[in-house]
Amino acid sequence: MSRYVAVVTTIQRPTKSLIKLQEVVNKFMDKLIIVGDKKTPDQFFYDFPCDFYSLDDQHKFPFRLAKLLPVNQHRVSSCYEKWSRLHL
């Protein structure tokens, strides 16, 4: 069985757009993965229906990539999204 997930990075608390995305994911996909950065307000995501990975969480995984990527860099957000797919 294939798994369909949506992966996003953000430095904001859940916005209306993210809440709408979560509704679509609940209807058509398996899960929403949110990958945080240094500026991400983590406390907003602990009760949000998603798999949330704070920067600290990312560094606990056995992958070296998370520790090598710079933080607070918009251009590497796609790298974080790629990293998050490794845990599937």
Foldseek 3Di string as FASTA:
>chain_A
DDFDEAEFEDLEADDPVNVVVQVVCVVPGDFYEYEYFPNHPVVRPPPPGHHYAYLVNLVPDPDCVSVPDDTPDPVCRVVRRVSVVVVD
